[in-house]
Structure formats: structure tokens, C-alpha cells
Amino acid sequence: MSEQVYQIAVPGPSPVTLEEMKTYLKIPAANTSSDLLIQELIDAATAWGEGYTGRAFRANQWNLLLDYFPPSIVIRRHPVDTIDSIEYLVDTVSTPVDPATYYLRAGVQTGEILLFPDQTWPDNVDDRLQAITVTFTTSIYPRKFDTIRLFIKRFVAYVFVNRGDCVCDEESAVASGALPLLGQMRIARV
């Protein structure tokens, strides 16, 4: 099996608004010349932080792409709110899995899709990469919401002030002093 592939299907809004970020940067509300850049940096910092920690900083809808059905499907995004659908390819035609056959067990760091007793995954899946699409929704990670907001503000401020010399990456997260805020939130990869 290839690595699980996560794709954001529908991104939610960042926990930091443009107006809040401009206030943090001490940019007057009437000055709109950098609004597009600031919003792009907010979005990039939010996505980078989500990727680094494996946790949702906003309510997103995701597609998890799999090659075949494992006994249980582990979702390494947190917190998982709902399983919206599971579809698989049969002769290149997308076919839904009946939601009555599976359920979501939400864990502390991951979600897991398990079969109800006496149920099985379909066995007629096309033999090809990414033949299965699990669509699910994550909600905002509530326990560290204020920490997430501070991370985004520090990270964006650093990249904004140093624009042209840096990008939203781990080096900038360290230099901004924002990375330590995420340390305990990161989901371990095994």
C-alpha cells in the first residue's frame, strides 16, 4: 500500500482574521495595500501549522486516498468530526460504501473507522492506486485554540516583516519563536 494521501477538499476559515492580524501588526484598518499578502500569509501559516501538528486549526473537509481497504482505517488528522462518505472504484466507477457498515471511533490523537460486527469492506475494488476515497470533516482543535491563534500571529508577523527573505517553513517558524507553541500539540507519527 502506498502512503495515505490527505487532500483538503474544502478549507475552513483561519482562526485569525485579517483585521486581527492587521491590529497585531499595527497596520491601520484603512491601509489596505497589504491585505492580500497578509491574508495569503495567514492561510499559509494555518495550513503549515496543521500539517506540522496533524491537528485541525479550522473546520476542514478532507479526502483520504487509499489503495485498498485495511481492517480499520486510521485517520491521522484530529479532531475528526464526521465521516461524510467512503467511495471506491469498481471498473473506474465511483461506488459508495453503505454508512450502516462502519462507524467512527474518535481517539485522543486520531480517528479510526471500524466495521460493525458481521460487516466487511467491499472486495471488488479496482486494483489501482488511490481507488478508495474517504471524505471526512475535522473540527477546530478546541483545547489549544488560543495557542494556535498566537502561533499564527507570531509566524505571520515574522514572515511579513521579513518578506522576500523567508517563507512559511520550519526555519521561519523557529526564527519567529512560534514553533515552540506547537510542540506539545504535534501528533506522533509511527
N, C-alpha and C. Protein backbone atom coordinates (compact mmCIF):
# COMPACT_ATOMS: atom_id res chain seq x y z
N MET A 1 0.85 -1.19 0.00
CA MET A 1 0.00 0.00 0.00
C MET A 1 0.88 1.24 0.00
N SER A 2 0.49 2.23 -0.75
CA SER A 2 1.22 3.49 -0.74
C SER A 2 0.85 4.27 0.52
N GLU A 3 1.57 5.31 0.76
CA GLU A 3 1.31 6.18 1.90
C GLU A 3 -0.10 6.75 1.77
N GLN A 4 -0.75 6.97 2.93
CA GLN A 4 -2.04 7.62 2.89
C GLN A 4 -1.86 9.03 2.36
N VAL A 5 -2.78 9.47 1.54
CA VAL A 5 -2.71 10.80 0.95
C VAL A 5 -3.90 11.60 1.45
N TYR A 6 -3.61 12.75 2.06
CA TYR A 6 -4.66 13.64 2.54
C TYR A 6 -4.72 14.86 1.64
N GLN A 7 -5.92 15.21 1.21
CA GLN A 7 -6.12 16.41 0.40
C GLN A 7 -7.25 17.21 1.03
N ILE A 8 -7.05 18.52 1.16
CA ILE A 8 -8.15 19.35 1.65
C ILE A 8 -9.15 19.52 0.52
N ALA A 9 -10.38 19.11 0.78
CA ALA A 9 -11.43 19.26 -0.22
C ALA A 9 -12.06 20.65 -0.10
N VAL A 10 -12.37 21.06 1.14
CA VAL A 10 -12.97 22.37 1.39
C VAL A 10 -12.31 22.96 2.64
N PRO A 11 -11.45 23.98 2.47
CA PRO A 11 -10.82 24.58 3.64
C PRO A 11 -11.76 25.51 4.38
N GLY A 12 -11.66 25.49 5.69
CA GLY A 12 -12.44 26.41 6.51
C GLY A 12 -11.66 27.70 6.73
N PRO A 13 -12.29 28.70 7.34
CA PRO A 13 -11.59 29.96 7.59
C PRO A 13 -10.55 29.79 8.71
N SER A 14 -9.49 30.57 8.61
CA SER A 14 -8.44 30.55 9.62
C SER A 14 -8.99 31.08 10.94
N PRO A 15 -8.41 30.64 12.08
CA PRO A 15 -8.85 31.17 13.37
C PRO A 15 -8.41 32.61 13.61
N VAL A 16 -7.58 33.17 12.74
CA VAL A 16 -7.16 34.57 12.85
C VAL A 16 -7.70 35.31 11.63
N THR A 17 -8.44 36.38 11.87
CA THR A 17 -9.00 37.16 10.76
C THR A 17 -7.96 38.18 10.27
N LEU A 18 -8.20 38.69 9.09
CA LEU A 18 -7.35 39.72 8.51
C LEU A 18 -7.30 40.94 9.43
N GLU A 19 -8.44 41.34 9.95
CA GLU A 19 -8.50 42.51 10.83
C GLU A 19 -7.67 42.31 12.10
N GLU A 20 -7.78 41.12 12.70
CA GLU A 20 -6.98 40.82 13.89
C GLU A 20 -5.49 40.85 13.58
N MET A 21 -5.11 40.32 12.44
CA MET A 21 -3.70 40.28 12.08
C MET A 21 -3.18 41.67 11.82
N LYS A 22 -3.97 42.52 11.17
CA LYS A 22 -3.54 43.90 10.93
C LYS A 22 -3.37 44.64 12.25
N THR A 23 -4.24 44.40 13.20
CA THR A 23 -4.11 45.01 14.53
C THR A 23 -2.83 44.53 15.19
N TYR A 24 -2.54 43.23 15.12
CA TYR A 24 -1.32 42.66 15.69
C TYR A 24 -0.07 43.27 15.04
N LEU A 25 -0.15 43.53 13.74
CA LEU A 25 0.98 44.12 13.01
C LEU A 25 1.02 45.64 13.13
N LYS A 26 0.03 46.21 13.80
CA LYS A 26 -0.09 47.66 13.97
C LYS A 26 -0.23 48.39 12.62
N ILE A 27 -1.02 47.79 11.75
CA ILE A 27 -1.33 48.38 10.45
C ILE A 27 -2.74 48.97 10.56
N PRO A 28 -2.91 50.25 10.26
CA PRO A 28 -4.25 50.85 10.36
C PRO A 28 -5.26 50.12 9.46
N ALA A 29 -6.47 50.00 9.94
CA ALA A 29 -7.52 49.32 9.19
C ALA A 29 -7.75 49.94 7.83
N ALA A 30 -7.58 51.25 7.72
CA ALA A 30 -7.81 51.95 6.46
C ALA A 30 -6.73 51.64 5.41
N ASN A 31 -5.56 51.18 5.85
CA ASN A 31 -4.48 50.83 4.93
C ASN A 31 -4.72 49.42 4.40
N THR A 32 -5.15 49.33 3.17
CA THR A 32 -5.49 48.03 2.58
C THR A 32 -4.45 47.53 1.58
N SER A 33 -3.33 48.24 1.47
CA SER A 33 -2.35 47.92 0.45
C SER A 33 -1.72 46.53 0.62
N SER A 34 -1.66 46.02 1.84
CA SER A 34 -1.05 44.70 2.09
C SER A 34 -2.06 43.62 2.46
N ASP A 35 -3.34 43.92 2.32
CA ASP A 35 -4.37 42.98 2.75
C ASP A 35 -4.26 41.61 2.08
N LEU A 36 -4.04 41.59 0.78
CA LEU A 36 -3.96 40.32 0.05
C LEU A 36 -2.77 39.50 0.53
N LEU A 37 -1.62 40.14 0.69
CA LEU A 37 -0.43 39.45 1.17
C LEU A 37 -0.64 38.91 2.58
N ILE A 38 -1.20 39.73 3.46
CA ILE A 38 -1.42 39.29 4.84
C ILE A 38 -2.37 38.10 4.88
N GLN A 39 -3.44 38.15 4.09
CA GLN A 39 -4.39 37.02 4.06
C GLN A 39 -3.72 35.76 3.54
N GLU A 40 -2.90 35.90 2.52
CA GLU A 40 -2.17 34.74 1.99
C GLU A 40 -1.23 34.16 3.05
N LEU A 41 -0.57 35.01 3.83
CA LEU A 41 0.31 34.54 4.88
C LEU A 41 -0.46 33.87 6.01
N ILE A 42 -1.62 34.41 6.35
CA ILE A 42 -2.47 33.77 7.37
C ILE A 42 -2.85 32.37 6.90
N ASP A 43 -3.30 32.26 5.66
CA ASP A 43 -3.71 30.96 5.11
C ASP A 43 -2.53 29.98 5.06
N ALA A 44 -1.36 30.48 4.65
CA ALA A 44 -0.19 29.62 4.56
C ALA A 44 0.27 29.16 5.95
N ALA A 45 0.28 30.07 6.92
CA ALA A 45 0.69 29.71 8.29
C ALA A 45 -0.29 28.72 8.90
N THR A 46 -1.56 28.90 8.65
CA THR A 46 -2.58 27.98 9.16
C THR A 46 -2.37 26.59 8.57
N ALA A 47 -2.21 26.51 7.26
CA ALA A 47 -2.00 25.21 6.60
C ALA A 47 -0.70 24.57 7.06
N TRP A 48 0.36 25.38 7.21
CA TRP A 48 1.65 24.83 7.65
C TRP A 48 1.52 24.27 9.07
N GLY A 49 0.88 24.99 9.95
CA GLY A 49 0.70 24.52 11.33
C GLY A 49 -0.14 23.25 11.40
N GLU A 50 -1.17 23.17 10.57
CA GLU A 50 -1.99 21.95 10.53
C GLU A 50 -1.15 20.76 10.05
N GLY A 51 -0.35 21.00 9.02
CA GLY A 51 0.50 19.93 8.51
C GLY A 51 1.55 19.50 9.51
N TYR A 52 2.12 20.45 10.22
CA TYR A 52 3.17 20.15 11.20
C TYR A 52 2.63 19.37 12.39
N THR A 53 1.45 19.76 12.88
CA THR A 53 0.90 19.11 14.08
C THR A 53 0.01 17.92 13.77
N GLY A 54 -0.62 17.90 12.58
CA GLY A 54 -1.61 16.87 12.28
C GLY A 54 -2.96 17.17 12.91
N ARG A 55 -3.11 18.37 13.41
CA ARG A 55 -4.37 18.78 14.05
C ARG A 55 -5.06 19.86 13.22
N ALA A 56 -6.37 19.93 13.38
CA ALA A 56 -7.14 20.92 12.64
C ALA A 56 -7.13 22.25 13.38
N PHE A 57 -6.73 23.30 12.68
CA PHE A 57 -6.79 24.65 13.22
C PHE A 57 -8.08 25.34 12.77
N ARG A 58 -8.80 24.69 11.89
CA ARG A 58 -10.05 25.21 11.34
C ARG A 58 -10.90 24.02 10.95
N ALA A 59 -12.15 24.25 10.68
CA ALA A 59 -13.03 23.17 10.22
C ALA A 59 -12.76 22.95 8.74
N ASN A 60 -12.19 21.79 8.41
CA ASN A 60 -11.86 21.45 7.02
C ASN A 60 -12.58 20.18 6.61
N GLN A 61 -12.85 20.06 5.32
CA GLN A 61 -13.29 18.78 4.78
C GLN A 61 -12.11 18.20 4.02
N TRP A 62 -11.83 16.93 4.28
CA TRP A 62 -10.65 16.25 3.74
C TRP A 62 -11.04 15.06 2.88
N ASN A 63 -10.15 14.70 1.95
CA ASN A 63 -10.21 13.43 1.25
C ASN A 63 -8.99 12.63 1.67
N LEU A 64 -9.21 11.41 2.12
CA LEU A 64 -8.14 10.47 2.42
C LEU A 64 -8.16 9.44 1.30
N LEU A 65 -7.05 9.30 0.59
CA LEU A 65 -6.98 8.38 -0.55
C LEU A 65 -6.22 7.13 -0.15
N LEU A 66 -6.82 5.97 -0.41
CA LEU A 66 -6.22 4.68 -0.06
C LEU A 66 -6.19 3.77 -1.28
N ASP A 67 -5.29 2.79 -1.24
CA ASP A 67 -5.19 1.84 -2.34
C ASP A 67 -6.10 0.64 -2.16
N TYR A 68 -6.35 0.26 -0.91
CA TYR A 68 -7.22 -0.88 -0.60
C TYR A 68 -7.80 -0.66 0.80
N PHE A 69 -8.78 -1.49 1.16
CA PHE A 69 -9.40 -1.39 2.47
C PHE A 69 -8.59 -2.16 3.51
N PRO A 70 -7.99 -1.47 4.48
CA PRO A 70 -7.35 -2.18 5.60
C PRO A 70 -8.45 -2.63 6.58
N PRO A 71 -8.13 -3.46 7.56
CA PRO A 71 -9.15 -3.88 8.53
C PRO A 71 -9.82 -2.68 9.23
N SER A 72 -9.03 -1.68 9.57
CA SER A 72 -9.57 -0.43 10.09
C SER A 72 -8.85 0.71 9.39
N ILE A 73 -9.53 1.83 9.24
CA ILE A 73 -8.95 2.98 8.55
C ILE A 73 -8.59 4.02 9.60
N VAL A 74 -7.31 4.25 9.77
CA VAL A 74 -6.84 5.24 10.74
C VAL A 74 -6.74 6.59 10.06
N ILE A 75 -7.32 7.59 10.69
CA ILE A 75 -7.28 8.95 10.16
C ILE A 75 -6.34 9.76 11.06
N ARG A 76 -5.25 10.21 10.49
CA ARG A 76 -4.24 10.94 11.26
C ARG A 76 -4.43 12.45 11.14
N ARG A 77 -5.63 12.87 11.32
CA ARG A 77 -5.98 14.28 11.46
C ARG A 77 -6.88 14.35 12.68
N HIS A 78 -6.80 15.44 13.42
CA HIS A 78 -7.54 15.50 14.68
C HIS A 78 -8.05 16.91 14.92
N PRO A 79 -9.23 17.09 15.45
CA PRO A 79 -10.24 16.07 15.75
C PRO A 79 -11.14 15.79 14.55
N VAL A 80 -11.45 14.52 14.34
CA VAL A 80 -12.36 14.11 13.28
C VAL A 80 -13.78 14.31 13.79
N ASP A 81 -14.56 15.05 13.05
CA ASP A 81 -15.93 15.36 13.46
C ASP A 81 -16.91 14.36 12.85
N THR A 82 -16.81 14.17 11.52
CA THR A 82 -17.74 13.26 10.84
C THR A 82 -17.04 12.53 9.70
N ILE A 83 -17.55 11.36 9.37
CA ILE A 83 -17.19 10.66 8.13
C ILE A 83 -18.31 10.98 7.16
N ASP A 84 -17.99 11.73 6.13
CA ASP A 84 -19.02 12.19 5.20
C ASP A 84 -19.37 11.12 4.17
N SER A 85 -18.35 10.39 3.71
CA SER A 85 -18.62 9.30 2.76
C SER A 85 -17.35 8.46 2.58
N ILE A 86 -17.57 7.24 2.14
CA ILE A 86 -16.48 6.38 1.70
C ILE A 86 -16.90 5.85 0.33
N GLU A 87 -16.05 6.10 -0.67
CA GLU A 87 -16.34 5.65 -2.02
C GLU A 87 -15.15 4.88 -2.55
N TYR A 88 -15.42 3.92 -3.43
CA TYR A 88 -14.35 3.11 -4.02
C TYR A 88 -14.66 2.90 -5.49
N LEU A 89 -13.62 2.60 -6.24
CA LEU A 89 -13.77 2.41 -7.68
C LEU A 89 -14.01 0.94 -8.01
N VAL A 90 -15.04 0.72 -8.83
CA VAL A 90 -15.33 -0.59 -9.40
C VAL A 90 -15.44 -0.37 -10.90
N ASP A 91 -14.49 -0.93 -11.63
CA ASP A 91 -14.43 -0.71 -13.08
C ASP A 91 -14.44 0.79 -13.40
N THR A 92 -13.66 1.55 -12.63
CA THR A 92 -13.48 3.01 -12.73
C THR A 92 -14.73 3.82 -12.39
N VAL A 93 -15.76 3.18 -11.86
CA VAL A 93 -16.98 3.89 -11.46
C VAL A 93 -16.98 4.03 -9.94
N SER A 94 -17.18 5.25 -9.46
CA SER A 94 -17.20 5.52 -8.03
C SER A 94 -18.47 4.93 -7.41
N THR A 95 -18.27 4.12 -6.36
CA THR A 95 -19.37 3.41 -5.70
C THR A 95 -19.33 3.70 -4.20
N PRO A 96 -20.45 4.12 -3.59
CA PRO A 96 -20.42 4.43 -2.16
C PRO A 96 -20.47 3.17 -1.30
N VAL A 97 -19.84 3.25 -0.14
CA VAL A 97 -19.96 2.20 0.88
C VAL A 97 -21.15 2.60 1.76
N ASP A 98 -22.01 1.65 2.05
CA ASP A 98 -23.18 1.90 2.89
C ASP A 98 -22.71 2.35 4.28
N PRO A 99 -23.12 3.55 4.75
CA PRO A 99 -22.69 4.03 6.07
C PRO A 99 -23.14 3.14 7.22
N ALA A 100 -24.09 2.25 6.98
CA ALA A 100 -24.56 1.34 8.03
C ALA A 100 -23.54 0.22 8.31
N THR A 101 -22.46 0.15 7.50
CA THR A 101 -21.48 -0.91 7.69
C THR A 101 -20.31 -0.48 8.57
N TYR A 102 -20.15 0.81 8.83
CA TYR A 102 -18.98 1.29 9.56
C TYR A 102 -19.36 2.39 10.55
N TYR A 103 -18.42 2.69 11.44
CA TYR A 103 -18.62 3.78 12.40
C TYR A 103 -17.27 4.42 12.70
N LEU A 104 -17.32 5.62 13.27
CA LEU A 104 -16.12 6.36 13.63
C LEU A 104 -15.86 6.20 15.12
N ARG A 105 -14.63 5.80 15.44
CA ARG A 105 -14.20 5.81 16.84
C ARG A 105 -13.17 6.93 16.95
N ALA A 106 -13.56 7.98 17.66
CA ALA A 106 -12.68 9.14 17.81
C ALA A 106 -11.72 8.89 18.96
N GLY A 107 -10.44 9.04 18.69
CA GLY A 107 -9.41 8.85 19.71
C GLY A 107 -8.84 10.17 20.15
N VAL A 108 -7.84 10.08 21.02
CA VAL A 108 -7.19 11.28 21.55
C VAL A 108 -6.35 11.97 20.48
N GLN A 109 -5.69 11.20 19.62
CA GLN A 109 -4.86 11.80 18.58
C GLN A 109 -5.28 11.43 17.16
N THR A 110 -6.08 10.43 17.00
CA THR A 110 -6.51 10.01 15.66
C THR A 110 -7.97 9.60 15.70
N GLY A 111 -8.52 9.42 14.53
CA GLY A 111 -9.83 8.81 14.40
C GLY A 111 -9.64 7.46 13.72
N GLU A 112 -10.59 6.57 13.92
CA GLU A 112 -10.48 5.25 13.32
C GLU A 112 -11.86 4.84 12.82
N ILE A 113 -11.91 4.38 11.59
CA ILE A 113 -13.16 3.89 11.02
C ILE A 113 -13.13 2.37 11.16
N LEU A 114 -14.12 1.86 11.87
CA LEU A 114 -14.22 0.43 12.14
C LEU A 114 -15.51 -0.12 11.56
N LEU A 115 -15.50 -1.41 11.28
CA LEU A 115 -16.70 -2.08 10.79
C LEU A 115 -17.59 -2.52 11.95
N PHE A 116 -18.89 -2.43 11.75
CA PHE A 116 -19.82 -3.01 12.71
C PHE A 116 -19.66 -4.53 12.68
N PRO A 117 -20.04 -5.22 13.75
CA PRO A 117 -19.94 -6.69 13.74
C PRO A 117 -20.66 -7.28 12.52
N ASP A 118 -20.08 -8.34 11.99
CA ASP A 118 -20.62 -9.08 10.85
C ASP A 118 -20.65 -8.27 9.55
N GLN A 119 -19.87 -7.20 9.46
CA GLN A 119 -19.77 -6.41 8.23
C GLN A 119 -18.37 -6.59 7.64
N THR A 120 -18.25 -6.39 6.35
CA THR A 120 -16.95 -6.48 5.68
C THR A 120 -16.83 -5.32 4.69
N TRP A 121 -15.58 -4.98 4.40
CA TRP A 121 -15.34 -3.99 3.36
C TRP A 121 -15.58 -4.63 2.00
N PRO A 122 -15.96 -3.86 1.00
CA PRO A 122 -16.14 -4.42 -0.35
C PRO A 122 -14.85 -5.08 -0.84
N ASP A 123 -15.00 -6.17 -1.59
CA ASP A 123 -13.83 -6.88 -2.09
C ASP A 123 -13.68 -6.76 -3.62
N ASN A 124 -14.51 -5.94 -4.23
CA ASN A 124 -14.45 -5.78 -5.68
C ASN A 124 -13.83 -4.44 -6.09
N VAL A 125 -12.92 -3.91 -5.26
CA VAL A 125 -12.26 -2.63 -5.52
C VAL A 125 -11.26 -2.78 -6.67
N ASP A 126 -11.22 -1.79 -7.54
CA ASP A 126 -10.22 -1.80 -8.62
C ASP A 126 -8.82 -1.91 -8.04
N ASP A 127 -7.98 -2.70 -8.69
CA ASP A 127 -6.60 -2.87 -8.25
C ASP A 127 -5.76 -1.73 -8.85
N ARG A 128 -5.78 -0.59 -8.15
CA ARG A 128 -5.07 0.59 -8.62
C ARG A 128 -4.78 1.51 -7.44
N LEU A 129 -3.85 2.41 -7.62
CA LEU A 129 -3.53 3.37 -6.57
C LEU A 129 -4.71 4.30 -6.33
N GLN A 130 -4.93 4.61 -5.06
CA GLN A 130 -5.95 5.57 -4.64
C GLN A 130 -7.34 5.24 -5.18
N ALA A 131 -7.71 3.98 -5.07
CA ALA A 131 -9.02 3.53 -5.54
C ALA A 131 -10.13 3.84 -4.53
N ILE A 132 -9.74 4.24 -3.32
CA ILE A 132 -10.72 4.49 -2.26
C ILE A 132 -10.57 5.93 -1.79
N THR A 133 -11.70 6.61 -1.65
CA THR A 133 -11.71 7.99 -1.14
C THR A 133 -12.61 8.05 0.09
N VAL A 134 -12.00 8.42 1.21
CA VAL A 134 -12.74 8.65 2.44
C VAL A 134 -12.84 10.16 2.61
N THR A 135 -14.05 10.68 2.62
CA THR A 135 -14.25 12.11 2.82
C THR A 135 -14.71 12.31 4.26
N PHE A 136 -13.97 13.16 4.98
CA PHE A 136 -14.31 13.40 6.39
C PHE A 136 -14.11 14.87 6.72
N THR A 137 -14.69 15.28 7.83
CA THR A 137 -14.60 16.67 8.28
C THR A 137 -13.94 16.72 9.64
N THR A 138 -12.99 17.63 9.76
CA THR A 138 -12.37 17.89 11.06
C THR A 138 -12.96 19.19 11.61
N SER A 139 -13.02 19.25 12.93
CA SER A 139 -13.45 20.49 13.56
C SER A 139 -12.23 21.15 14.19
N ILE A 140 -12.40 22.34 14.68
CA ILE A 140 -11.30 23.10 15.27
C ILE A 140 -10.84 22.40 16.54
N TYR A 141 -9.51 22.30 16.70
CA TYR A 141 -8.93 21.70 17.90
C TYR A 141 -9.14 22.68 19.06
N PRO A 142 -10.12 22.43 19.94
CA PRO A 142 -10.54 23.45 20.91
C PRO A 142 -9.60 23.66 22.10
N ARG A 143 -8.89 22.63 22.53
CA ARG A 143 -8.12 22.74 23.77
C ARG A 143 -6.99 23.76 23.67
N LYS A 144 -6.47 23.99 22.50
CA LYS A 144 -5.33 24.88 22.33
C LYS A 144 -5.65 26.03 21.37
N PHE A 145 -6.90 26.46 21.32
CA PHE A 145 -7.31 27.46 20.35
C PHE A 145 -6.53 28.77 20.51
N ASP A 146 -6.36 29.24 21.74
CA ASP A 146 -5.61 30.48 21.95
C ASP A 146 -4.14 30.33 21.56
N THR A 147 -3.56 29.15 21.83
CA THR A 147 -2.18 28.88 21.45
C THR A 147 -2.04 28.87 19.93
N ILE A 148 -3.00 28.28 19.24
CA ILE A 148 -3.00 28.24 17.78
C ILE A 148 -3.04 29.66 17.21
N ARG A 149 -3.91 30.48 17.78
CA ARG A 149 -4.04 31.87 17.31
C ARG A 149 -2.73 32.63 17.51
N LEU A 150 -2.08 32.46 18.66
CA LEU A 150 -0.82 33.13 18.92
C LEU A 150 0.27 32.63 17.97
N PHE A 151 0.30 31.31 17.71
CA PHE A 151 1.25 30.76 16.74
C PHE A 151 1.10 31.45 15.39
N ILE A 152 -0.12 31.52 14.89
CA ILE A 152 -0.36 32.11 13.57
C ILE A 152 0.07 33.58 13.56
N LYS A 153 -0.27 34.32 14.59
CA LYS A 153 0.09 35.74 14.64
C LYS A 153 1.61 35.93 14.65
N ARG A 154 2.31 35.18 15.48
CA ARG A 154 3.78 35.32 15.54
C ARG A 154 4.43 34.92 14.21
N PHE A 155 3.96 33.81 13.67
CA PHE A 155 4.53 33.29 12.42
C PHE A 155 4.31 34.28 11.28
N VAL A 156 3.07 34.76 11.14
CA VAL A 156 2.75 35.70 10.07
C VAL A 156 3.52 37.01 10.25
N ALA A 157 3.62 37.51 11.48
CA ALA A 157 4.34 38.76 11.73
C ALA A 157 5.79 38.63 11.29
N TYR A 158 6.41 37.52 11.63
CA TYR A 158 7.81 37.31 11.25
C TYR A 158 7.98 37.26 9.74
N VAL A 159 7.15 36.48 9.08
CA VAL A 159 7.27 36.34 7.62
C VAL A 159 6.91 37.66 6.93
N PHE A 160 5.93 38.38 7.46
CA PHE A 160 5.53 39.66 6.86
C PHE A 160 6.68 40.68 6.95
N VAL A 161 7.28 40.79 8.12
CA VAL A 161 8.37 41.75 8.32
C VAL A 161 9.59 41.36 7.48
N ASN A 162 9.82 40.07 7.33
CA ASN A 162 10.99 39.57 6.60
C ASN A 162 10.65 39.08 5.20
N ARG A 163 9.55 39.53 4.65
CA ARG A 163 9.12 39.05 3.34
C ARG A 163 10.22 39.30 2.31
N GLY A 164 10.35 38.35 1.44
CA GLY A 164 11.42 38.40 0.46
C GLY A 164 12.65 37.65 0.92
N ASP A 165 12.79 37.50 2.24
CA ASP A 165 13.95 36.80 2.79
C ASP A 165 13.58 35.44 3.38
N CYS A 166 12.28 35.15 3.51
CA CYS A 166 11.88 33.88 4.10
C CYS A 166 10.50 33.47 3.59
N VAL A 167 10.13 32.25 3.90
CA VAL A 167 8.82 31.70 3.52
C VAL A 167 8.23 31.00 4.73
N CYS A 168 7.01 30.53 4.61
CA CYS A 168 6.37 29.78 5.70
C CYS A 168 6.95 28.37 5.71
N ASP A 169 8.00 28.17 6.52
CA ASP A 169 8.61 26.86 6.65
C ASP A 169 9.09 26.70 8.08
N GLU A 170 9.69 25.56 8.38
CA GLU A 170 10.12 25.29 9.75
C GLU A 170 11.18 26.27 10.22
N GLU A 171 12.08 26.65 9.35
CA GLU A 171 13.12 27.61 9.72
C GLU A 171 12.52 28.94 10.18
N SER A 172 11.51 29.42 9.45
CA SER A 172 10.84 30.67 9.83
C SER A 172 10.02 30.49 11.10
N ALA A 173 9.43 29.31 11.27
CA ALA A 173 8.66 29.04 12.48
C ALA A 173 9.57 29.08 13.71
N VAL A 174 10.78 28.56 13.57
CA VAL A 174 11.75 28.60 14.68
C VAL A 174 12.20 30.03 14.93
N ALA A 175 12.59 30.74 13.86
CA ALA A 175 13.10 32.11 13.98
C ALA A 175 12.06 33.06 14.57
N SER A 176 10.80 32.81 14.29
CA SER A 176 9.73 33.68 14.79
C SER A 176 9.41 33.44 16.26
N GLY A 177 9.91 32.33 16.80
CA GLY A 177 9.57 31.97 18.17
C GLY A 177 8.20 31.32 18.27
N ALA A 178 7.60 31.02 17.14
CA ALA A 178 6.26 30.44 17.12
C ALA A 178 6.26 28.92 17.25
N LEU A 179 7.31 28.28 16.77
CA LEU A 179 7.32 26.81 16.74
C LEU A 179 7.15 26.17 18.13
N PRO A 180 7.80 26.67 19.17
CA PRO A 180 7.62 26.03 20.48
C PRO A 180 6.16 25.98 20.95
N LEU A 181 5.33 26.87 20.44
CA LEU A 181 3.92 26.85 20.81
C LEU A 181 3.23 25.58 20.34
N LEU A 182 3.75 24.97 19.28
CA LEU A 182 3.12 23.79 18.71
C LEU A 182 3.68 22.48 19.24
N GLY A 183 4.78 22.54 19.98
CA GLY A 183 5.50 21.36 20.40
C GLY A 183 4.64 20.26 20.99
N GLN A 184 3.84 20.56 21.98
CA GLN A 184 3.05 19.53 22.66
C GLN A 184 1.79 19.16 21.89
N MET A 185 1.47 19.88 20.84
CA MET A 185 0.26 19.59 20.07
C MET A 185 0.50 18.59 18.96
N ARG A 186 1.75 18.34 18.63
CA ARG A 186 2.07 17.51 17.47
C ARG A 186 1.69 16.05 17.70
N ILE A 187 1.00 15.47 16.73
CA ILE A 187 0.61 14.07 16.79
C ILE A 187 1.79 13.23 16.34
N ALA A 188 2.17 12.27 17.16
CA ALA A 188 3.30 11.41 16.85
C ALA A 188 2.99 10.54 15.63
N ARG A 189 3.94 10.41 14.73
CA ARG A 189 3.81 9.55 13.55
C ARG A 189 4.56 8.27 13.80
N VAL A 190 3.86 7.16 13.70
CA VAL A 190 4.51 5.86 13.87
C VAL A 190 4.32 5.00 12.66
